[in-house]
Protein backbone atom coordinates (compact mmCIF):
# COMPACT_ATOMS: atom_id res chain seq x y z
CA MET A 1 0.08 -0.04 0.03
CA ALA A 2 0.90 3.49 -1.10
CA VAL A 3 0.75 6.71 1.24
CA LEU A 4 0.79 9.85 -0.15
CA PHE A 5 1.57 12.93 2.41
CA ARG A 6 -0.65 16.00 0.80
CA ASP A 7 0.64 19.43 1.30
CA PHE A 8 3.23 18.98 4.33
CA ILE A 9 5.93 21.07 5.58
CA TYR A 10 9.20 18.63 5.51
CA MET A 11 12.39 19.04 6.81
CA ASP A 12 15.96 17.35 7.36
CA ALA A 13 19.13 17.98 8.76
CA GLU A 14 20.92 18.75 5.29
CA MET A 15 18.09 21.11 4.09
CA GLU A 16 18.94 24.73 4.27
CA ARG A 17 15.48 25.71 4.92
CA ALA A 18 12.22 23.74 5.41
CA SER A 19 9.86 22.97 2.39
CA ARG A 20 6.26 22.62 1.31
CA GLY A 21 4.74 19.91 -1.06
CA ASP A 22 3.49 16.30 -1.48
CA ILE A 23 5.68 13.25 -0.42
CA LEU A 24 4.88 9.90 -1.92
CA VAL A 25 5.60 6.76 -0.03
CA GLU A 26 5.72 3.66 -2.31
CA GLY A 27 6.92 0.25 -0.02
CA ASP A 28 9.46 1.27 2.29
CA ARG A 29 11.04 4.02 0.12
CA ILE A 30 10.11 7.92 -0.77
CA ALA A 31 9.17 7.40 -4.22
CA ALA A 32 8.34 11.30 -5.22
CA ILE A 33 8.61 14.84 -3.32
CA GLY A 34 6.72 17.59 -4.79
CA PRO A 35 3.51 18.89 -5.69
CA GLY A 36 1.07 15.87 -6.75
CA PRO A 37 4.28 13.92 -7.52
CA GLY A 38 3.99 10.64 -9.71
CA GLU A 39 1.12 8.13 -10.69
CA LEU A 40 -0.98 7.28 -7.85
CA ALA A 41 -1.33 3.69 -6.80
CA GLU A 42 -4.81 2.20 -6.88
CA GLU A 43 -4.41 1.43 -2.90
CA ILE A 44 -3.26 4.72 -1.31
CA GLU A 45 -4.02 6.45 1.91
CA THR A 46 -3.66 10.10 1.50
CA VAL A 47 -3.03 12.16 4.97
CA GLN A 48 -3.43 15.58 4.60
CA GLY A 49 -1.32 18.05 6.01
CA LYS A 50 -2.87 21.12 5.21
CA GLY A 51 0.36 22.98 5.52
CA ARG A 52 0.11 23.05 9.31
CA THR A 53 2.01 19.59 9.73
CA LEU A 54 5.53 18.58 9.55
CA LEU A 55 7.65 15.39 8.42
CA ILE A 56 10.71 14.61 9.61
CA PRO A 57 13.36 11.86 9.40
CA GLY A 58 12.78 9.07 12.08
CA LEU A 59 14.79 9.85 14.98
CA VAL A 60 17.70 6.82 15.58
CA ASN A 61 18.59 6.15 19.20
CA GLY A 62 22.42 5.69 18.83
CA HIS A 63 23.09 3.62 22.29
CA THR A 64 20.52 2.06 24.29
CA HIS A 65 20.12 -1.30 26.14
CA ALA A 66 16.24 -1.74 25.53
CA ALA A 67 15.21 -4.50 27.58
CA MET A 68 16.41 -2.44 30.81
CA VAL A 69 13.10 -0.92 30.88
CA LEU A 70 12.54 -3.95 33.19
CA LEU A 71 15.23 -2.16 35.73
CA ARG A 72 13.85 1.30 35.44
CA GLY A 73 14.34 2.91 38.82
CA LEU A 74 16.45 0.63 40.20
CA GLY A 75 19.85 2.22 41.98
CA GLU A 76 18.39 5.65 41.67
CA GLU A 77 20.57 8.39 42.65
CA LEU A 78 23.76 6.20 42.36
CA PRO A 79 27.22 6.73 40.64
CA LEU A 80 28.23 4.17 37.77
CA LYS A 81 30.31 1.93 39.58
CA ARG A 82 28.20 1.64 42.40
CA TRP A 83 25.18 1.34 40.36
CA LEU A 84 26.33 -1.22 38.21
CA GLU A 85 27.66 -3.42 40.92
CA GLU A 86 25.10 -2.85 43.96
CA ARG A 87 21.71 -2.81 41.47
CA ILE A 88 22.33 -3.62 38.21
CA TRP A 89 24.52 -6.65 38.03
CA PRO A 90 22.86 -8.62 40.41
CA VAL A 91 19.53 -8.41 39.09
CA GLU A 92 20.54 -9.36 35.56
CA ALA A 93 22.20 -12.25 36.66
CA GLY A 94 18.57 -13.58 36.60
CA LEU A 95 17.48 -12.39 33.10
CA VAL A 96 16.20 -14.90 30.73
CA PRO A 97 15.11 -14.85 27.44
CA GLU A 98 11.35 -14.11 27.77
CA HIS A 99 12.30 -10.96 29.89
CA ILE A 100 14.66 -9.54 27.23
CA TYR A 101 11.77 -10.10 24.77
CA TRP A 102 8.97 -8.27 26.27
CA GLY A 103 11.16 -5.59 28.15
CA THR A 104 12.34 -4.80 24.18
CA ARG A 105 9.00 -4.59 22.89
CA GLY A 106 7.97 -2.26 25.83
CA ALA A 107 11.11 -0.26 24.97
CA ILE A 108 9.94 -0.36 21.05
CA MET A 109 6.58 1.19 22.29
CA GLU A 110 8.08 3.82 24.36
CA MET A 111 10.59 5.00 21.59
CA VAL A 112 8.12 4.89 18.21
CA SER A 113 5.68 6.91 20.24
CA THR A 114 8.34 9.53 20.83
CA GLY A 115 9.57 8.99 17.24
CA THR A 116 12.29 6.83 17.47
CA THR A 117 12.46 4.70 14.48
CA CYS A 118 15.74 2.81 14.64
CA PHE A 119 17.99 2.40 17.81
CA SER A 120 21.17 0.78 18.35
CA ASP A 121 21.02 -1.85 21.07
CA MET A 122 23.70 -3.66 23.03
CA TYR A 123 22.51 -6.34 25.45
CA PHE A 124 21.89 -10.28 25.92
CA GLU A 125 19.59 -12.61 24.23
CA MET A 126 20.12 -10.67 21.38
CA ASP A 127 18.05 -13.11 19.27
CA GLU A 128 14.74 -11.64 21.48
CA VAL A 129 15.64 -8.19 20.49
CA ALA A 130 16.14 -9.04 16.63
CA LYS A 131 12.28 -11.05 16.85
CA ALA A 132 10.59 -8.05 19.06
CA ALA A 133 12.15 -5.45 16.39
CA THR A 134 11.37 -7.69 13.20
CA GLU A 135 7.65 -8.35 14.85
CA THR A 136 7.25 -4.50 15.22
CA GLY A 137 8.87 -3.34 12.02
CA VAL A 138 11.17 -0.97 13.97
CA ARG A 139 14.92 -1.03 12.51
CA CYS A 140 17.45 -1.86 14.96
CA CYS A 141 21.85 -2.33 15.15
CA ILE A 142 22.29 -5.14 17.60
CA CYS A 143 25.09 -6.41 19.48
CA ARG A 144 25.65 -8.92 21.78
CA GLY A 145 27.15 -7.32 25.00
CA LEU A 146 30.69 -9.04 25.39
CA THR A 147 32.57 -9.35 28.77
CA GLY A 148 35.45 -11.79 30.04
CA ASP A 149 38.06 -13.30 27.75
CA ASP A 150 35.77 -16.37 26.99
CA PRO A 151 36.12 -17.13 23.33
CA VAL A 152 32.63 -18.67 23.70
CA LYS A 153 31.10 -15.26 24.04
CA VAL A 154 32.96 -13.75 20.75
CA ARG A 155 31.64 -16.85 18.99
CA GLU A 156 28.40 -15.92 20.16
CA GLY A 157 28.81 -12.32 18.54
CA VAL A 158 29.78 -13.80 15.15
CA GLU A 159 26.77 -16.23 15.18
CA LEU A 160 24.76 -13.36 16.10
CA PHE A 161 25.83 -11.45 13.01
CA ARG A 162 25.60 -14.44 10.61
CA ARG A 163 22.11 -15.13 11.67
CA TRP A 164 20.49 -11.50 11.64
CA ASN A 165 22.99 -8.92 9.94
CA GLY A 166 20.47 -7.67 6.55
CA LYS A 167 17.68 -9.67 7.50
CA GLY A 168 14.91 -7.31 7.11
CA ASN A 169 15.40 -4.33 9.22
CA ILE A 170 18.53 -5.70 11.48
CA ARG A 171 21.86 -5.19 11.17
CA VAL A 172 24.59 -6.37 13.86
CA GLN A 173 27.50 -5.03 15.22
CA LEU A 174 30.35 -6.99 17.70
CA GLY A 175 29.77 -5.43 21.49
CA PRO A 176 32.67 -5.76 23.47
CA HIS A 177 31.82 -3.87 26.89
CA ALA A 178 34.27 -1.70 28.02
CA PRO A 179 37.68 -1.71 28.76
CA TYR A 180 37.22 -2.71 32.65
CA THR A 181 35.50 -5.87 31.68
CA VAL A 182 37.32 -7.03 28.44
CA SER A 183 41.08 -7.97 28.35
CA LEU A 184 42.72 -6.11 25.57
CA GLY A 185 43.90 -9.42 24.19
CA ALA A 186 40.36 -10.46 23.84
CA LEU A 187 39.48 -6.89 22.34
CA LYS A 188 41.65 -7.49 19.92
CA GLU A 189 40.41 -10.72 18.70
CA ILE A 190 36.71 -9.19 18.70
CA VAL A 191 38.04 -6.31 16.82
CA GLY A 192 39.86 -9.11 14.29
CA SER A 193 36.53 -10.95 14.28
CA ALA A 194 34.78 -7.93 13.16
CA ALA A 195 36.96 -6.78 9.91
CA ASP A 196 37.16 -10.46 9.23
CA LEU A 197 32.81 -9.93 8.98
CA GLY A 198 32.82 -6.50 8.01
CA SER A 199 31.07 -5.66 10.76
CA GLY A 200 30.84 -2.67 12.74
CA VAL A 201 32.06 -2.51 17.17
CA HIS A 202 29.76 -0.82 19.85
CA PHE A 203 32.12 -0.18 22.86
CA HIS A 204 31.54 1.52 25.83
CA PHE A 205 34.40 4.24 26.61
CA LEU A 206 35.52 6.50 29.50
CA GLU A 207 32.01 6.80 30.47
CA ALA A 208 33.29 7.76 34.41
CA GLU A 209 36.23 9.79 35.54
CA TRP A 210 38.32 6.79 36.86
CA GLU A 211 38.55 5.02 33.47
CA GLU A 212 41.42 7.09 31.74
CA ALA A 213 43.37 6.61 35.26
CA PHE A 214 42.29 2.87 35.03
CA ILE A 215 43.24 2.52 31.35
CA ARG A 216 47.30 4.02 31.63
CA ASP A 217 47.79 2.05 34.81
CA ARG A 218 46.62 -1.27 33.41
CA PHE A 219 47.84 -1.13 29.89
CA GLY A 220 49.97 2.05 30.08
CA LEU A 221 48.39 3.62 27.49
CA SER A 222 46.81 6.76 26.54
CA PRO A 223 42.83 6.39 25.40
CA LEU A 224 43.69 7.04 22.25
CA ALA A 225 47.02 4.89 22.24
CA TYR A 226 44.48 2.41 23.48
CA LEU A 227 41.82 2.41 20.80
CA GLU A 228 44.84 2.23 18.32
CA GLU A 229 46.79 -0.61 19.68
CA ALA A 230 42.59 -2.37 19.89
CA GLY A 231 42.64 -1.86 16.13
CA LEU A 232 39.44 0.30 16.68
CA LEU A 233 40.67 3.37 14.86
CA GLU A 234 40.48 1.38 11.79
CA THR A 235 37.44 -0.75 11.92
CA ARG A 236 34.61 -0.03 10.02
CA GLY A 237 31.93 1.03 12.07
CA THR A 238 33.27 1.73 15.47
CA VAL A 239 31.10 3.43 17.81
CA LEU A 240 32.41 4.52 21.03
CA ALA A 241 29.63 5.30 23.50
CA HIS A 242 29.76 8.10 26.06
CA CYS A 243 33.70 9.06 26.01
CA VAL A 244 32.81 11.83 28.27
CA TRP A 245 36.22 11.85 29.84
CA PHE A 246 37.78 11.75 26.44
CA PRO A 247 41.05 13.99 26.51
CA GLU A 248 40.36 17.13 24.57
CA GLY A 249 43.85 17.16 23.22
CA GLU A 250 43.35 13.62 21.75
CA VAL A 251 40.18 14.61 19.84
CA PRO A 252 41.42 15.83 16.72
CA GLU A 253 43.21 12.57 16.42
CA LEU A 254 39.90 10.72 16.26
CA ALA A 255 38.82 13.12 12.87
CA GLY A 256 39.55 10.91 9.85
CA THR A 257 39.31 7.77 11.71
CA SER A 258 36.39 5.44 11.50
CA VAL A 259 35.00 6.24 15.01
CA THR A 260 31.83 7.55 15.93
CA VAL A 261 30.88 9.09 19.32
CA ALA A 262 27.61 8.10 20.90
CA HIS A 263 26.72 10.64 22.97
CA ASN A 264 23.96 10.32 25.85
CA PRO A 265 23.81 13.58 27.93
CA THR A 266 20.79 12.79 30.50
CA SER A 267 22.29 9.11 31.37
CA ASN A 268 25.65 10.86 31.93
CA MET A 269 24.25 13.98 33.94
CA LYS A 270 22.18 11.37 36.15
CA LEU A 271 25.17 9.02 36.78
CA GLY A 272 27.04 11.92 37.84
CA SER A 273 29.75 10.97 34.96
CA GLY A 274 29.98 14.59 33.57
CA HIS A 275 29.86 16.08 29.96
CA ALA A 276 31.22 14.79 26.86
CA PRO A 277 33.66 17.29 25.15
CA LEU A 278 31.01 17.41 22.76
CA GLN A 279 31.71 20.40 20.72
CA SER A 280 35.57 19.42 20.33
CA PHE A 281 34.30 16.66 18.95
CA LEU A 282 32.34 18.34 16.18
CA GLU A 283 34.12 21.14 15.55
CA THR A 284 36.96 18.43 14.63
CA GLY A 285 35.20 16.36 12.67
CA VAL A 286 33.94 13.69 14.65
CA PRO A 287 30.66 12.19 13.75
CA VAL A 288 28.64 12.13 16.46
CA SER A 289 25.46 10.27 17.27
CA LEU A 290 22.58 10.62 19.88
CA GLY A 291 21.57 7.82 22.62
CA THR A 292 19.35 7.77 25.78
CA ASP A 293 21.47 4.97 27.06
CA GLY A 294 18.88 2.22 29.02
CA ALA A 295 15.90 3.35 31.03
CA ALA A 296 17.52 2.18 34.09
CA SER A 297 20.27 4.90 33.65
CA ASN A 298 18.27 7.65 31.81
CA ASN A 299 14.39 6.58 33.14
CA ARG A 300 13.00 7.65 29.42
CA LEU A 301 14.03 6.37 25.95
CA ASP A 302 13.02 9.67 24.49
CA ILE A 303 15.42 10.77 21.47
CA TRP A 304 13.83 14.24 21.08
CA GLY A 305 14.03 14.95 24.52
CA GLU A 306 17.70 14.04 24.14
CA MET A 307 18.13 16.89 21.43
CA ARG A 308 16.79 19.84 23.79
CA LEU A 309 18.98 18.49 26.77
CA CYS A 310 21.91 17.81 24.74
CA ALA A 311 21.83 21.57 23.12
CA LEU A 312 21.01 23.29 26.51
CA ILE A 313 23.92 21.58 28.69
CA HIS A 314 26.57 22.37 26.46
CA LYS A 315 26.02 26.11 25.78
CA GLY A 316 25.50 26.23 29.69
CA ILE A 317 28.80 24.49 30.17
CA SER A 318 30.84 26.52 27.55
CA LYS A 319 28.78 30.21 28.27
CA ASP A 320 28.77 30.17 24.79
CA PRO A 321 25.06 30.60 23.48
CA THR A 322 26.31 30.30 20.02
CA ALA A 323 27.73 26.63 20.89
CA ILE A 324 26.27 23.53 19.07
CA ALA A 325 23.80 24.70 16.67
CA ALA A 326 20.34 22.72 16.48
CA ARG A 327 21.13 21.79 13.30
CA ASP A 328 23.98 19.63 14.58
CA ILE A 329 22.02 18.09 17.18
CA PHE A 330 19.15 17.66 14.52
CA ARG A 331 21.98 15.69 12.88
CA MET A 332 23.24 13.89 15.38
CA ALA A 333 19.72 12.53 15.99
CA THR A 334 18.64 11.32 12.58
CA LEU A 335 21.83 10.82 9.78
CA SER A 336 24.27 10.41 11.81
CA GLY A 337 22.96 8.39 14.18
CA ALA A 338 21.51 6.51 10.99
CA SER A 339 25.00 6.14 9.60
CA ALA A 340 26.62 4.56 12.74
CA ALA A 341 23.88 1.86 12.97
CA CYS A 342 25.00 0.52 9.71
CA PHE A 343 21.88 1.67 7.72
CA GLU A 344 22.19 3.75 4.04
CA LYS A 345 19.84 5.89 2.84
CA LEU A 346 18.51 6.66 6.08
CA GLY A 347 18.30 10.11 7.87
CA LEU A 348 17.09 12.47 5.16
CA ILE A 349 14.07 13.19 3.56
CA ARG A 350 14.93 12.30 -0.07
CA GLU A 351 13.56 10.17 -3.32
CA GLY A 352 14.63 6.88 -3.04
CA TRP A 353 15.46 6.75 0.64
CA GLN A 354 14.04 4.75 3.30
CA ALA A 355 10.31 5.83 4.50
CA ASP A 356 11.22 6.76 7.96
CA LEU A 357 9.20 9.47 8.77
CA VAL A 358 7.78 11.14 11.70
CA MET A 359 4.55 13.53 11.67
CA VAL A 360 4.17 16.35 13.59
CA ASP A 361 1.46 18.46 14.51
CA LEU A 362 3.07 22.44 14.16
CA ASP A 363 -0.93 23.66 14.89
CA ARG A 364 0.10 24.43 18.53
CA PRO A 365 0.93 27.23 20.59
CA HIS A 366 4.63 27.03 21.25
CA TYR A 367 5.02 26.93 17.28
CA ILE A 368 3.58 30.13 16.79
CA GLY A 369 6.49 32.13 14.93
CA TRP A 370 8.07 28.96 12.77
CA ASP A 371 9.07 29.65 9.37
CA PRO A 372 10.83 27.40 7.29
CA ASP A 373 14.36 29.53 8.14
CA ASN A 374 14.24 28.97 12.09
CA LEU A 375 11.63 25.75 12.22
CA ILE A 376 14.84 23.69 12.95
CA GLY A 377 15.17 25.89 16.15
CA PHE A 378 11.48 25.60 16.96
CA LEU A 379 11.63 21.52 17.02
CA VAL A 380 14.81 21.69 19.20
CA TYR A 381 13.98 24.19 21.48
CA ALA A 382 10.30 24.19 21.82
CA GLY A 383 8.62 21.26 20.42
CA SER A 384 8.56 17.89 22.14
CA SER A 385 7.59 14.13 21.43
CA SER A 386 4.08 15.15 22.87
CA ASP A 387 3.60 16.85 19.33
CA ILE A 388 4.12 13.55 17.18
CA LEU A 389 1.21 12.56 15.24
CA GLY A 390 2.57 9.32 13.68
CA THR A 391 5.46 7.30 13.06
CA MET A 392 6.37 5.31 10.43
CA ALA A 393 9.48 2.99 9.51
CA ALA A 394 10.06 1.23 6.08
CA GLY A 395 6.66 2.72 5.02
CA ARG A 396 4.86 0.98 7.96
CA TRP A 397 2.92 2.81 10.61
CA LEU A 398 4.30 2.05 13.93
CA PHE A 399 2.46 4.65 15.94
CA ARG A 400 -0.48 6.52 15.13
CA ASP A 401 -2.70 9.00 16.46
CA GLY A 402 -2.06 7.69 20.36
CA GLU A 403 -2.31 3.98 18.64
CA PHE A 404 0.19 1.24 18.03
CA PRO A 405 -1.24 -0.27 14.84
CA GLY A 406 -0.63 -4.06 14.97
CA GLN A 407 0.23 -4.19 18.67
CA ASP A 408 -1.91 -4.65 21.59
CA ARG A 409 -0.81 -2.13 24.39
CA GLY A 410 -2.71 -4.10 26.97
CA GLU A 411 -0.83 -7.03 26.40
CA VAL A 412 2.59 -5.54 26.16
CA MET A 413 2.38 -3.85 29.39
CA GLY A 414 0.90 -6.63 31.04
CA GLU A 415 3.98 -8.85 30.16
CA ILE A 416 6.17 -6.04 31.12
CA SER A 417 4.75 -5.66 34.57
CA ARG A 418 4.96 -9.78 34.99
CA CYS A 419 8.58 -10.09 33.69
CA ARG A 420 9.80 -7.26 35.68
CA ASP A 421 8.08 -8.61 38.73
CA ASP A 422 9.62 -12.27 37.91
CA LEU A 423 12.99 -10.67 37.64
CA LEU A 424 13.33 -8.92 40.75
CA GLY A 425 11.44 -12.06 42.51
CA ARG A 426 14.75 -14.15 41.40
CA ALA A 427 16.77 -11.36 42.59
CA LEU A 428 15.44 -11.57 45.94
CA ARG A 429 15.77 -15.45 46.02
CA ARG A 430 19.70 -15.57 45.34
């Protein structure tokens, strides 16, 4: 079935100003853009924008742990190390596949209602994540979180790639967890496997202040030298999550490498980890995506909310209102995130590109005064995910007028509650 968006405003991060026209979606692609585009299919849904409704590319959550919605609210107001060791890891020890499946289903419901059509996910039992994403129609780049030196876990990541990469809307990366949970030798093995597969690598790096000293003391290397030694600077599609404490003097050396930084401002603030040198990354040409991290360290999976917070934090820190332009933030949440998640022709509104689109109601008081030149600023600073009327991925409605086509909201929420109770019960019984 085709969808014609009639008389819509549309905007992406690479457009100089917003435009007005019609957009035709056929299958999973944007077929035509313009006034009255193309010949219309016999079966077509026409959506009237009346010049008061906006289309933007689907948002991308560049780093999360979707099923951690089951752990939301645990370990509140603890620093990262205590949060992990005292609250999260003991509970995670009881996770079983159905927990991951239903937790991911709940996360997907939350994300699509806030405009996210694609997410990069690192966790356990990733077949369940892929299954949940496939059933609901959302895009997902998955990686099995790998810790320790067990070669079996490396094989699990490789086998996951072979099972799922390129199957429908699924992409796969290898996912060594962090320098403090994976030895350098194991990391090199994982990076080598990624190179053999043509896979990217998703890696937590310098999230907390103590991690830089840990790397220097344990390995005798600076952070940049550590990445170089591991082969991560040359591996196609390396994603470094957080990089809060990446030395600013080494930032220019990241430019021109394969690295994308996944910035998670809310999680970093909530855990008291600090703030990443985002301005330095962007000014030197390091690609940056935007993520929420898991719901246990953020509490929300709302990328739109991350956009506003990200812009304000870095302006406040730098005492510079010109720091981090709204357009840069919007690009992080769309095109840059899509590229880091290994999806092509995703993140812009262009003919032939993927039909991942979010429909936004501009007929609201806080949009009074928008024009084609200032609309991105209105989106980042005044708008919110509550303005969303519909979310589409690959030409399929995932969220529309407050409902989730093809999903039973009550069933999903009931199963999430059941799985959370079961998981916490398991933790108490140990």
